[in-house]
Amino acid sequence: MNSTTSSARRPRAAAMVAALGCTMTAVALGPATAEASTGGVYVALGDSDAAGSVVFPQSELLTCARSTANYPSLVAKALQVQTFRDVTCASATTKHLTQPQPGNVVGVAPPQFDALSADTTLVTMSMGGNDIGIADDAYGCVNPFPAAAGHSCAADFTAGGRDTFVERTDALAATYGDVLEQIHQRAPHARVLVVGYQYFFRPGGCPAAHPISSRDSDYLQQSLSRLNAMVAAQAAAHNATYVDLEPSTINHDACAPVGDRWAEGIIPSPPTGGTSLIPVHPNAAGYENTARQILAALGH
């Protein structure tokens, strides 16, 4: 698949957000202990994996598809922060940290860095997946035919001895490091946590449930894990804490049964309470787990 393929050929968050209007029940974390209460100013930066796109209830649906059940909201509640600024936004890339972002349906989101201030005490960020295009390109891997008869997107992405996602991820590394330095400059007293992406496809995938061949689902997961490794390395090099979601989400991937599934695959689960209706994204249970991992990283 050509990496310049028009996004009009693939499902986009904007189209899915515009079509949805139901309400779902989200499960919150338990009450915070007195020790977990930090006060202070918490700023959440990130893309749809942080925003909780189309996980209901939504606090803002048409511009950024931001959920009140996303992990930043759960962390803010558990920590009882004094000021909470959630500027996460579906479809965001690193450029939208410093530039306005057109809304997914209507409106314009201001640069996310505008939320940072000298009195910020905590920053979390999930970012990078849209920069390398892995979510969009995963849709192009859909293959309803048997592997022997279908087309392999892994073959396309590794054609000619070059790996598209390796190159995109390596090219993003310097930008990611610069982003972290800018956060420190704008919020010099803040603890900065960079949140990785969770595990989506177990080895071999589950072609019967999600129409992606075993080879292609393995390739997508390996590419996502490589992105996580790059983000972890940049966090270590730029005075940030990396929150690794992969270990805690193994066996809770998109192939797991409904109820054990913390992420949705190409075909989301039936619309039950808290389920994400956007493919290849966390659901409400996934956000609860992410919040737990962040709180553990903070020592709570």
Protein backbone atom coordinates (compact mmCIF):
# COMPACT_ATOMS: atom_id res chain seq x y z
CA MET A 1 0.00 0.00 0.00
CA ASN A 2 1.26 3.41 -0.93
CA SER A 3 1.73 5.57 2.17
CA THR A 4 0.30 8.55 0.29
CA THR A 5 -3.07 6.84 -0.25
CA SER A 6 -5.88 9.33 0.28
CA SER A 7 -7.45 9.15 3.71
CA ALA A 8 -10.82 9.26 1.98
CA ARG A 9 -10.31 5.57 1.16
CA ARG A 10 -10.13 4.64 4.82
CA PRO A 11 -12.54 5.17 7.75
CA ARG A 12 -11.70 8.32 9.66
CA ALA A 13 -12.55 9.39 13.20
CA ALA A 14 -14.40 12.40 11.78
CA ALA A 15 -16.91 10.33 9.84
CA MET A 16 -17.49 7.96 12.73
CA VAL A 17 -17.89 10.80 15.23
CA ALA A 18 -20.42 12.54 13.01
CA ALA A 19 -22.53 9.38 12.75
CA LEU A 20 -22.74 8.58 16.43
CA GLY A 21 -25.08 10.05 18.99
CA CYS A 22 -25.71 7.45 21.68
CA THR A 23 -24.80 7.55 25.35
CA MET A 24 -22.85 4.86 27.15
CA THR A 25 -22.03 4.31 30.78
CA ALA A 26 -18.40 4.57 31.83
CA VAL A 27 -16.91 2.89 34.89
CA ALA A 28 -14.75 5.18 36.98
CA LEU A 29 -11.90 4.30 39.27
CA GLY A 30 -12.57 4.00 42.96
CA PRO A 31 -12.20 6.98 45.27
CA ALA A 32 -8.69 8.31 45.76
CA THR A 33 -6.97 7.93 49.08
CA ALA A 34 -5.84 10.98 50.98
CA GLU A 35 -2.25 10.19 49.96
CA ALA A 36 -3.25 10.26 46.26
CA SER A 37 -4.60 13.80 46.49
CA THR A 38 -2.02 16.09 44.95
CA GLY A 39 -3.86 19.29 44.11
CA GLY A 40 -1.87 21.22 41.54
CA VAL A 41 -2.42 21.69 37.83
CA TYR A 42 -2.72 18.66 35.53
CA VAL A 43 -2.49 19.07 31.75
CA ALA A 44 -3.33 16.14 29.46
CA LEU A 45 -1.91 16.24 25.94
CA GLY A 46 -2.42 13.70 23.21
CA ASP A 47 -4.28 12.09 20.34
CA SER A 48 -7.41 9.91 20.21
CA ASP A 49 -5.78 7.22 22.35
CA ALA A 50 -5.74 9.77 25.17
CA ALA A 51 -8.95 11.60 24.24
CA GLY A 52 -11.14 8.50 24.37
CA SER A 53 -12.69 9.14 21.00
CA VAL A 54 -16.29 7.98 20.88
CA VAL A 55 -16.16 6.35 24.29
CA PHE A 56 -19.28 7.77 25.89
CA PRO A 57 -20.11 9.94 27.70
CA GLN A 58 -18.30 12.60 25.72
CA SER A 59 -17.40 16.03 27.07
CA GLU A 60 -16.77 17.33 23.54
CA LEU A 61 -17.79 15.25 20.54
CA LEU A 62 -17.53 17.16 17.28
CA THR A 63 -14.17 18.93 17.46
CA CYS A 64 -11.90 16.56 19.39
CA ALA A 65 -14.13 13.60 20.33
CA ARG A 66 -13.03 13.80 23.96
CA SER A 67 -14.52 11.48 26.58
CA THR A 68 -15.21 12.10 30.25
CA ALA A 69 -14.17 8.45 30.74
CA ASN A 70 -10.73 8.81 29.16
CA TYR A 71 -7.64 8.10 31.24
CA PRO A 72 -6.82 11.78 31.91
CA SER A 73 -10.26 12.26 33.47
CA LEU A 74 -9.86 9.16 35.63
CA VAL A 75 -6.38 10.22 36.76
CA ALA A 76 -7.56 13.76 37.54
CA LYS A 77 -10.40 12.38 39.65
CA ALA A 78 -8.17 9.94 41.51
CA LEU A 79 -5.57 12.62 42.26
CA GLN A 80 -8.19 15.25 43.11
CA VAL A 81 -6.25 17.85 41.17
CA GLN A 82 -7.09 21.47 41.72
CA THR A 83 -7.01 22.37 38.02
CA PHE A 84 -7.48 19.92 35.14
CA ARG A 85 -6.87 20.91 31.52
CA ASP A 86 -7.68 18.12 29.09
CA VAL A 87 -6.71 19.24 25.57
CA THR A 88 -6.37 15.77 24.05
CA CYS A 89 -7.83 15.60 20.54
CA ALA A 90 -8.63 12.87 18.04
CA SER A 91 -6.41 12.89 14.92
CA ALA A 92 -3.76 15.04 16.64
CA THR A 93 -0.13 14.81 15.59
CA THR A 94 2.92 16.39 17.20
CA LYS A 95 2.46 19.48 15.01
CA HIS A 96 -0.85 20.15 16.76
CA LEU A 97 1.00 20.70 20.01
CA THR A 98 2.13 24.06 18.61
CA GLN A 99 -0.41 24.65 15.81
CA PRO A 100 -4.22 24.84 15.73
CA GLN A 101 -6.00 21.66 14.69
CA PRO A 102 -9.10 21.64 12.47
CA GLY A 103 -11.94 19.89 14.24
CA ASN A 104 -12.85 16.35 13.25
CA VAL A 105 -16.32 17.59 12.28
CA VAL A 106 -16.56 21.29 13.20
CA GLY A 107 -14.53 23.92 15.01
CA VAL A 108 -10.82 24.40 15.59
CA ALA A 109 -8.79 23.17 18.56
CA PRO A 110 -6.09 25.59 19.77
CA PRO A 111 -2.50 24.39 20.03
CA GLN A 112 -2.31 21.91 22.88
CA PHE A 113 0.79 23.56 24.34
CA ASP A 114 -1.37 26.63 25.08
CA ALA A 115 -2.67 24.68 28.10
CA LEU A 116 0.79 24.46 29.67
CA SER A 117 1.84 27.05 32.24
CA ALA A 118 4.56 27.71 34.76
CA ASP A 119 2.34 26.41 37.56
CA THR A 120 1.64 23.06 35.84
CA THR A 121 2.58 20.20 38.16
CA LEU A 122 1.68 17.14 36.06
CA VAL A 123 1.67 16.47 32.30
CA THR A 124 0.67 13.27 30.54
CA MET A 125 0.98 12.74 26.79
CA SER A 126 0.06 10.00 24.32
CA MET A 127 1.31 10.94 20.87
CA GLY A 128 2.98 9.51 17.77
CA GLY A 129 0.56 7.04 16.23
CA ASN A 130 -0.92 9.59 13.86
CA ASP A 131 2.51 10.96 13.00
CA ILE A 132 3.50 7.60 11.54
CA GLY A 133 -0.01 6.89 10.21
CA ILE A 134 -0.38 3.48 11.75
CA ALA A 135 -4.06 3.75 12.67
CA ASP A 136 -5.14 4.87 9.21
CA ASP A 137 -2.95 2.35 7.46
CA ALA A 138 -4.29 -0.47 9.60
CA TYR A 139 -7.63 -0.06 7.82
CA GLY A 140 -5.84 -0.78 4.56
CA CYS A 141 -4.80 -4.16 5.96
CA VAL A 142 -8.38 -5.42 6.09
CA ASN A 143 -8.50 -8.66 4.11
CA PRO A 144 -11.74 -10.70 4.06
CA PHE A 145 -10.14 -13.47 2.01
CA PRO A 146 -7.90 -16.35 3.13
CA ALA A 147 -4.27 -15.27 3.50
CA ALA A 148 -3.21 -17.24 0.42
CA ALA A 149 -5.79 -15.42 -1.72
CA GLY A 150 -5.64 -11.97 -0.14
CA HIS A 151 -3.25 -9.08 -0.43
CA SER A 152 -0.68 -8.49 2.33
CA CYS A 153 -0.18 -4.94 3.54
CA ALA A 154 2.96 -6.10 5.37
CA ALA A 155 4.40 -7.00 1.97
CA ASP A 156 3.55 -3.51 0.70
CA PHE A 157 5.09 -1.75 3.69
CA THR A 158 8.32 -3.76 3.46
CA ALA A 159 8.68 -3.79 -0.32
CA GLY A 160 12.10 -3.19 -1.82
CA GLY A 161 13.92 -4.04 1.40
CA ARG A 162 12.63 -0.92 3.17
CA ASP A 163 10.20 -0.87 6.08
CA THR A 164 7.85 2.10 5.92
CA PHE A 165 7.02 2.17 9.63
CA VAL A 166 10.62 1.72 10.70
CA GLU A 167 11.56 4.74 8.60
CA ARG A 168 8.63 6.83 9.83
CA THR A 169 9.32 5.94 13.47
CA ASP A 170 13.04 6.66 13.22
CA ALA A 171 12.30 9.99 11.52
CA LEU A 172 9.94 10.97 14.37
CA ALA A 173 12.48 10.40 17.15
CA ALA A 174 14.19 13.80 17.00
CA THR A 175 10.82 15.58 16.87
CA TYR A 176 9.64 13.63 19.89
CA GLY A 177 12.69 14.62 21.88
CA ASP A 178 12.16 18.27 20.93
CA VAL A 179 8.52 18.04 22.02
CA LEU A 180 9.56 16.83 25.47
CA GLU A 181 12.10 19.63 25.81
CA GLN A 182 9.41 22.17 24.92
CA ILE A 183 7.11 20.74 27.58
CA HIS A 184 9.85 21.19 30.19
CA GLN A 185 10.42 24.77 29.05
CA ARG A 186 6.74 25.67 29.25
CA ALA A 187 6.06 23.71 32.45
CA PRO A 188 9.42 23.67 34.27
CA HIS A 189 8.03 22.32 37.56
CA ALA A 190 5.87 19.55 36.09
CA ARG A 191 6.29 15.80 36.35
CA VAL A 192 6.05 14.61 32.73
CA LEU A 193 4.67 11.16 31.91
CA VAL A 194 4.66 9.81 28.37
CA VAL A 195 2.10 7.06 27.88
CA GLY A 196 2.73 4.29 25.35
CA TYR A 197 0.17 2.49 23.25
CA GLN A 198 -1.38 -0.68 24.55
CA TYR A 199 -1.21 -4.17 23.06
CA PHE A 200 -3.74 -4.62 20.25
CA PHE A 201 -3.06 -7.94 18.48
CA ARG A 202 -1.73 -11.16 20.00
CA PRO A 203 0.72 -13.27 17.95
CA GLY A 204 -1.08 -14.58 14.89
CA GLY A 205 -3.98 -12.21 15.41
CA CYS A 206 -7.53 -13.50 15.11
CA PRO A 207 -8.52 -13.36 11.42
CA ALA A 208 -11.89 -14.97 12.11
CA ALA A 209 -12.90 -12.08 14.37
CA HIS A 210 -10.91 -9.29 12.76
CA PRO A 211 -10.29 -9.65 9.01
CA ILE A 212 -6.54 -9.06 9.03
CA SER A 213 -4.20 -11.91 8.16
CA SER A 214 -1.88 -13.33 10.80
CA ARG A 215 1.14 -11.92 9.00
CA ASP A 216 -0.36 -8.44 8.77
CA SER A 217 -1.62 -8.27 12.37
CA ASP A 218 1.82 -9.38 13.58
CA TYR A 219 3.42 -6.71 11.43
CA LEU A 220 1.12 -3.98 12.75
CA GLN A 221 1.73 -4.97 16.38
CA GLN A 222 5.50 -5.12 15.82
CA SER A 223 5.38 -1.65 14.25
CA LEU A 224 3.39 -0.29 17.19
CA SER A 225 5.82 -1.88 19.66
CA ARG A 226 8.70 -0.27 17.78
CA LEU A 227 6.97 3.11 18.13
CA ASN A 228 6.59 2.44 21.86
CA ALA A 229 10.30 1.61 22.13
CA MET A 230 11.25 4.86 20.42
CA VAL A 231 8.95 6.86 22.71
CA ALA A 232 10.42 5.11 25.77
CA ALA A 233 13.95 5.94 24.64
CA GLN A 234 13.10 9.59 24.07
CA ALA A 235 11.39 9.80 27.46
CA ALA A 236 14.50 8.40 29.14
CA ALA A 237 16.71 10.88 27.28
CA HIS A 238 14.56 13.91 28.08
CA ASN A 239 13.68 13.62 31.77
CA ALA A 240 10.24 12.08 31.38
CA THR A 241 8.67 8.93 32.79
CA TYR A 242 7.53 6.34 30.26
CA VAL A 243 4.35 4.44 31.13
CA ASP A 244 4.52 1.07 29.39
CA LEU A 245 1.04 -0.32 28.73
CA GLU A 246 2.03 -3.42 26.79
CA PRO A 247 2.74 -5.82 29.73
CA SER A 248 -0.56 -5.08 31.47
CA THR A 249 -2.64 -5.37 28.29
CA ILE A 250 -1.38 -8.71 26.98
CA ASN A 251 -4.38 -11.09 26.93
CA HIS A 252 -6.64 -8.04 26.95
CA ASP A 253 -6.05 -7.25 23.27
CA ALA A 254 -8.65 -6.92 20.52
CA CYS A 255 -8.76 -10.72 20.13
CA ALA A 256 -9.86 -11.27 23.74
CA PRO A 257 -13.51 -12.09 24.50
CA VAL A 258 -15.87 -9.22 25.18
CA GLY A 259 -15.49 -8.50 28.87
CA ASP A 260 -11.76 -9.23 28.85
CA ARG A 261 -11.09 -6.94 25.89
CA TRP A 262 -9.46 -3.60 26.69
CA ALA A 263 -8.97 -2.58 23.06
CA GLU A 264 -11.14 -2.76 19.97
CA GLY A 265 -9.92 -4.20 16.70
CA ILE A 266 -11.04 -3.57 13.16
CA ILE A 267 -14.59 -4.58 14.06
CA PRO A 268 -15.57 -2.98 17.41
CA SER A 269 -17.60 -4.90 19.96
CA PRO A 270 -21.38 -4.54 20.07
CA PRO A 271 -22.23 -1.10 21.50
CA THR A 272 -22.37 -1.95 25.18
CA GLY A 273 -21.53 0.43 28.00
CA GLY A 274 -18.16 2.11 27.58
CA THR A 275 -17.16 0.42 24.32
CA SER A 276 -15.15 2.44 21.83
CA LEU A 277 -16.84 2.64 18.45
CA ILE A 278 -13.61 3.55 16.64
CA PRO A 279 -11.52 0.60 15.43
CA VAL A 280 -8.03 -0.04 16.81
CA HIS A 281 -8.52 2.10 19.92
CA PRO A 282 -8.86 1.46 23.65
CA ASN A 283 -12.30 0.99 25.16
CA ALA A 284 -13.44 2.15 28.60
CA ALA A 285 -11.82 -0.83 30.35
CA GLY A 286 -8.58 0.03 28.57
CA TYR A 287 -8.71 3.56 29.92
CA GLU A 288 -9.27 2.28 33.43
CA ASN A 289 -6.14 0.18 33.08
CA THR A 290 -4.14 3.10 31.67
CA ALA A 291 -5.19 5.23 34.61
CA ARG A 292 -4.06 2.49 37.01
CA GLN A 293 -0.65 2.30 35.33
CA ILE A 294 -0.21 6.08 35.48
CA LEU A 295 -1.19 6.23 39.14
CA ALA A 296 1.26 3.41 39.88
CA ALA A 297 4.01 5.32 38.08
CA LEU A 298 3.20 8.31 40.29
CA GLY A 299 3.43 6.14 43.38
CA HIS A 300 -0.29 6.07 44.13
